[in-house]
Amino acid sequence: MITVEEKIWEALKGVMDPELGVSIVDLGLVYDVRFEKGVAEVEMTLTSPGCPLAPIIDREVRGALAKLPDIRTLTIDLVWDPPWTQEMMSDELKAEYGF
């Protein structure tokens, strides 16, 4: 049986970084996902604190997760510790970019 957390991760894989055109999950921006009793919490970061695309990414994350009927409440915790680095990218994405 697929858990709600797994459904959340899968939905987030469909959210693309608008600048790079790659999944925010593969980019390593999503740090953690929690779900309990209808409440989902996504802990994530951005590539930089001053990212001008933050509102777009926030809207896309909310839109993707709004499609999951199990979620009644969503909290997105934007964190800066640890700071994002290229090392957080998926192995496939690092290979694609030649890292």
N, C-alpha and C. Protein backbone atom coordinates (compact mmCIF):
# COMPACT_ATOMS: atom_id res chain seq x y z
N MET A 1 0.84 -1.19 0.00
CA MET A 1 0.00 0.00 0.00
C MET A 1 0.88 1.25 0.00
N ILE A 2 0.54 2.19 -0.85
CA ILE A 2 1.31 3.43 -0.95
C ILE A 2 0.87 4.37 0.17
N THR A 3 1.84 4.90 0.89
CA THR A 3 1.53 5.83 1.98
C THR A 3 1.25 7.23 1.43
N VAL A 4 0.63 8.05 2.24
CA VAL A 4 0.38 9.43 1.83
C VAL A 4 1.70 10.16 1.62
N GLU A 5 2.69 9.87 2.47
CA GLU A 5 4.00 10.50 2.30
C GLU A 5 4.58 10.18 0.92
N GLU A 6 4.44 8.92 0.49
CA GLU A 6 4.94 8.53 -0.83
C GLU A 6 4.17 9.25 -1.94
N LYS A 7 2.87 9.43 -1.75
CA LYS A 7 2.07 10.16 -2.73
C LYS A 7 2.51 11.63 -2.80
N ILE A 8 2.84 12.19 -1.64
CA ILE A 8 3.31 13.58 -1.60
C ILE A 8 4.63 13.71 -2.36
N TRP A 9 5.58 12.80 -2.07
CA TRP A 9 6.87 12.83 -2.77
C TRP A 9 6.66 12.72 -4.27
N GLU A 10 5.77 11.82 -4.68
CA GLU A 10 5.52 11.62 -6.11
C GLU A 10 4.93 12.88 -6.73
N ALA A 11 3.99 13.52 -6.03
CA ALA A 11 3.39 14.76 -6.54
C ALA A 11 4.44 15.86 -6.65
N LEU A 12 5.34 15.92 -5.68
CA LEU A 12 6.38 16.95 -5.70
C LEU A 12 7.39 16.73 -6.82
N LYS A 13 7.55 15.49 -7.25
CA LYS A 13 8.44 15.22 -8.39
C LYS A 13 7.94 15.89 -9.66
N GLY A 14 6.66 16.17 -9.70
CA GLY A 14 6.07 16.83 -10.85
C GLY A 14 6.18 18.35 -10.82
N VAL A 15 6.69 18.90 -9.72
CA VAL A 15 6.86 20.35 -9.60
C VAL A 15 8.24 20.71 -10.15
N MET A 16 8.25 21.53 -11.17
CA MET A 16 9.51 21.88 -11.83
C MET A 16 10.03 23.24 -11.37
N ASP A 17 11.33 23.31 -11.20
CA ASP A 17 11.97 24.59 -10.96
C ASP A 17 11.79 25.40 -12.25
N PRO A 18 11.15 26.57 -12.17
CA PRO A 18 10.83 27.31 -13.39
C PRO A 18 12.06 27.77 -14.17
N GLU A 19 13.16 27.97 -13.50
CA GLU A 19 14.36 28.45 -14.17
C GLU A 19 15.13 27.32 -14.84
N LEU A 20 15.24 26.18 -14.14
CA LEU A 20 16.04 25.08 -14.64
C LEU A 20 15.23 24.02 -15.38
N GLY A 21 13.92 23.98 -15.14
CA GLY A 21 13.07 23.01 -15.80
C GLY A 21 13.27 21.59 -15.32
N VAL A 22 13.70 21.44 -14.08
CA VAL A 22 13.88 20.11 -13.49
C VAL A 22 13.08 20.02 -12.19
N SER A 23 12.78 18.82 -11.79
CA SER A 23 11.99 18.57 -10.59
C SER A 23 12.66 19.14 -9.34
N ILE A 24 11.85 19.74 -8.47
CA ILE A 24 12.41 20.26 -7.22
C ILE A 24 12.91 19.12 -6.33
N VAL A 25 12.35 17.92 -6.51
CA VAL A 25 12.83 16.76 -5.75
C VAL A 25 14.20 16.36 -6.26
N ASP A 26 14.36 16.22 -7.59
CA ASP A 26 15.66 15.85 -8.16
C ASP A 26 16.71 16.92 -7.90
N LEU A 27 16.27 18.16 -7.81
CA LEU A 27 17.19 19.26 -7.53
C LEU A 27 17.65 19.24 -6.07
N GLY A 28 16.92 18.51 -5.23
CA GLY A 28 17.30 18.41 -3.82
C GLY A 28 16.73 19.51 -2.95
N LEU A 29 15.70 20.17 -3.43
CA LEU A 29 15.11 21.28 -2.66
C LEU A 29 14.17 20.80 -1.57
N VAL A 30 13.63 19.59 -1.70
CA VAL A 30 12.70 19.07 -0.70
C VAL A 30 13.51 18.24 0.30
N TYR A 31 13.50 18.67 1.55
CA TYR A 31 14.27 17.99 2.59
C TYR A 31 13.48 16.91 3.30
N ASP A 32 12.19 17.16 3.56
CA ASP A 32 11.41 16.20 4.32
C ASP A 32 9.93 16.40 4.04
N VAL A 33 9.17 15.32 4.21
CA VAL A 33 7.72 15.33 4.07
C VAL A 33 7.15 14.57 5.26
N ARG A 34 6.15 15.18 5.90
CA ARG A 34 5.48 14.51 7.03
C ARG A 34 3.97 14.62 6.80
N PHE A 35 3.26 13.60 7.27
CA PHE A 35 1.81 13.59 7.15
C PHE A 35 1.21 12.88 8.35
N GLU A 36 0.22 13.52 8.95
CA GLU A 36 -0.50 12.89 10.06
C GLU A 36 -1.89 13.49 10.16
N LYS A 37 -2.89 12.64 10.15
CA LYS A 37 -4.28 13.03 10.37
C LYS A 37 -4.72 14.20 9.49
N GLY A 38 -4.43 14.12 8.20
CA GLY A 38 -4.88 15.14 7.27
C GLY A 38 -3.97 16.34 7.14
N VAL A 39 -2.93 16.40 7.95
CA VAL A 39 -2.03 17.55 7.94
C VAL A 39 -0.71 17.15 7.29
N ALA A 40 -0.36 17.84 6.21
CA ALA A 40 0.90 17.59 5.51
C ALA A 40 1.85 18.74 5.79
N GLU A 41 3.11 18.39 5.96
CA GLU A 41 4.14 19.39 6.17
C GLU A 41 5.30 19.06 5.23
N VAL A 42 5.70 20.05 4.45
CA VAL A 42 6.82 19.90 3.53
C VAL A 42 7.92 20.84 3.99
N GLU A 43 9.08 20.27 4.25
CA GLU A 43 10.25 21.07 4.61
C GLU A 43 11.13 21.16 3.38
N MET A 44 11.37 22.38 2.95
CA MET A 44 12.14 22.55 1.72
C MET A 44 12.96 23.83 1.76
N THR A 45 13.77 23.99 0.76
CA THR A 45 14.60 25.17 0.63
C THR A 45 14.55 25.65 -0.80
N LEU A 46 15.30 26.67 -1.10
CA LEU A 46 15.46 27.17 -2.46
C LEU A 46 16.97 27.23 -2.74
N THR A 47 17.32 27.43 -3.99
CA THR A 47 18.75 27.45 -4.30
C THR A 47 19.46 28.66 -3.69
N SER A 48 18.71 29.71 -3.40
CA SER A 48 19.29 30.88 -2.72
C SER A 48 18.18 31.60 -1.95
N PRO A 49 18.55 32.26 -0.84
CA PRO A 49 17.54 32.96 -0.04
C PRO A 49 16.81 34.07 -0.80
N GLY A 50 17.45 34.66 -1.78
CA GLY A 50 16.81 35.74 -2.52
C GLY A 50 16.17 35.29 -3.82
N CYS A 51 15.86 34.02 -3.92
CA CYS A 51 15.31 33.46 -5.16
C CYS A 51 14.04 34.21 -5.57
N PRO A 52 14.04 34.86 -6.75
CA PRO A 52 12.86 35.60 -7.17
C PRO A 52 11.69 34.70 -7.58
N LEU A 53 11.96 33.41 -7.74
CA LEU A 53 10.92 32.48 -8.17
C LEU A 53 10.22 31.79 -7.00
N ALA A 54 10.55 32.17 -5.78
CA ALA A 54 9.96 31.55 -4.59
C ALA A 54 8.44 31.54 -4.62
N PRO A 55 7.77 32.64 -4.98
CA PRO A 55 6.30 32.59 -5.00
C PRO A 55 5.74 31.61 -6.03
N ILE A 56 6.43 31.47 -7.14
CA ILE A 56 5.97 30.54 -8.18
C ILE A 56 6.13 29.10 -7.70
N ILE A 57 7.26 28.80 -7.11
CA ILE A 57 7.50 27.44 -6.60
C ILE A 57 6.50 27.12 -5.49
N ASP A 58 6.26 28.05 -4.60
CA ASP A 58 5.28 27.86 -3.53
C ASP A 58 3.91 27.54 -4.12
N ARG A 59 3.50 28.32 -5.11
CA ARG A 59 2.19 28.11 -5.75
C ARG A 59 2.12 26.74 -6.43
N GLU A 60 3.19 26.34 -7.08
CA GLU A 60 3.21 25.05 -7.77
C GLU A 60 3.17 23.89 -6.78
N VAL A 61 3.88 24.00 -5.67
CA VAL A 61 3.85 22.96 -4.64
C VAL A 61 2.44 22.84 -4.07
N ARG A 62 1.84 23.97 -3.73
CA ARG A 62 0.48 23.95 -3.19
C ARG A 62 -0.51 23.37 -4.20
N GLY A 63 -0.36 23.72 -5.46
CA GLY A 63 -1.25 23.21 -6.49
C GLY A 63 -1.12 21.71 -6.68
N ALA A 64 0.11 21.21 -6.66
CA ALA A 64 0.33 19.78 -6.83
C ALA A 64 -0.25 18.99 -5.67
N LEU A 65 -0.08 19.50 -4.46
CA LEU A 65 -0.56 18.77 -3.28
C LEU A 65 -2.06 18.95 -3.04
N ALA A 66 -2.63 19.99 -3.60
CA ALA A 66 -4.08 20.19 -3.46
C ALA A 66 -4.86 19.08 -4.16
N LYS A 67 -4.22 18.40 -5.08
CA LYS A 67 -4.87 17.31 -5.81
C LYS A 67 -4.95 16.02 -5.00
N LEU A 68 -4.27 15.97 -3.87
CA LEU A 68 -4.29 14.77 -3.03
C LEU A 68 -5.43 14.89 -2.01
N PRO A 69 -6.43 14.03 -2.10
CA PRO A 69 -7.62 14.16 -1.26
C PRO A 69 -7.35 13.92 0.23
N ASP A 70 -6.27 13.26 0.58
CA ASP A 70 -5.98 12.99 1.99
C ASP A 70 -5.54 14.24 2.74
N ILE A 71 -5.06 15.24 2.02
CA ILE A 71 -4.49 16.44 2.66
C ILE A 71 -5.59 17.47 2.90
N ARG A 72 -5.80 17.80 4.17
CA ARG A 72 -6.75 18.85 4.54
C ARG A 72 -6.02 20.17 4.80
N THR A 73 -4.83 20.06 5.37
CA THR A 73 -4.03 21.24 5.71
C THR A 73 -2.60 21.02 5.23
N LEU A 74 -2.01 22.06 4.65
CA LEU A 74 -0.64 21.98 4.16
C LEU A 74 0.18 23.11 4.75
N THR A 75 1.34 22.76 5.25
CA THR A 75 2.31 23.74 5.72
C THR A 75 3.60 23.53 4.93
N ILE A 76 4.13 24.61 4.39
CA ILE A 76 5.42 24.57 3.73
C ILE A 76 6.40 25.32 4.61
N ASP A 77 7.38 24.59 5.13
CA ASP A 77 8.42 25.21 5.95
C ASP A 77 9.62 25.47 5.05
N LEU A 78 9.88 26.74 4.78
CA LEU A 78 11.03 27.12 3.98
C LEU A 78 12.21 27.32 4.93
N VAL A 79 13.23 26.49 4.76
CA VAL A 79 14.37 26.51 5.67
C VAL A 79 15.65 26.83 4.90
N TRP A 80 16.63 27.31 5.63
CA TRP A 80 17.91 27.67 5.01
C TRP A 80 19.08 26.90 5.62
N ASP A 81 18.76 26.00 6.53
CA ASP A 81 19.80 25.19 7.17
C ASP A 81 19.40 23.74 7.09
N PRO A 82 20.10 22.93 6.37
CA PRO A 82 21.36 23.25 5.71
C PRO A 82 21.11 24.01 4.41
N PRO A 83 22.06 24.86 4.04
CA PRO A 83 21.92 25.57 2.78
C PRO A 83 22.02 24.59 1.61
N TRP A 84 21.29 24.89 0.54
CA TRP A 84 21.32 24.04 -0.64
C TRP A 84 22.67 24.12 -1.33
N THR A 85 23.14 22.96 -1.78
CA THR A 85 24.35 22.89 -2.61
C THR A 85 24.07 21.92 -3.75
N GLN A 86 24.92 21.93 -4.75
CA GLN A 86 24.77 21.03 -5.89
C GLN A 86 24.86 19.57 -5.47
N GLU A 87 25.49 19.30 -4.36
CA GLU A 87 25.61 17.92 -3.86
C GLU A 87 24.26 17.33 -3.48
N MET A 88 23.26 18.15 -3.28
CA MET A 88 21.93 17.68 -2.88
C MET A 88 21.11 17.19 -4.08
N MET A 89 21.60 17.43 -5.28
CA MET A 89 20.90 17.00 -6.48
C MET A 89 20.93 15.47 -6.57
N SER A 90 19.94 14.90 -7.26
CA SER A 90 19.92 13.46 -7.47
C SER A 90 21.14 13.07 -8.31
N ASP A 91 21.57 11.81 -8.17
CA ASP A 91 22.72 11.35 -8.94
C ASP A 91 22.47 11.49 -10.44
N GLU A 92 21.23 11.23 -10.86
CA GLU A 92 20.90 11.34 -12.28
C GLU A 92 21.05 12.79 -12.78
N LEU A 93 20.60 13.73 -11.97
CA LEU A 93 20.69 15.12 -12.37
C LEU A 93 22.14 15.60 -12.36
N LYS A 94 22.90 15.15 -11.37
CA LYS A 94 24.33 15.51 -11.35
C LYS A 94 25.02 14.99 -12.61
N ALA A 95 24.70 13.78 -13.01
CA ALA A 95 25.30 13.20 -14.21
C ALA A 95 24.89 14.00 -15.44
N GLU A 96 23.63 14.40 -15.49
CA GLU A 96 23.12 15.16 -16.62
C GLU A 96 23.84 16.51 -16.76
N TYR A 97 24.14 17.13 -15.61
CA TYR A 97 24.82 18.42 -15.61
C TYR A 97 26.33 18.29 -15.57
N GLY A 98 26.83 17.07 -15.53
CA GLY A 98 28.27 16.83 -15.57
C GLY A 98 29.00 17.07 -14.26
N PHE A 99 28.29 16.87 -13.15
CA PHE A 99 28.93 17.02 -11.82
C PHE A 99 29.42 15.68 -11.33
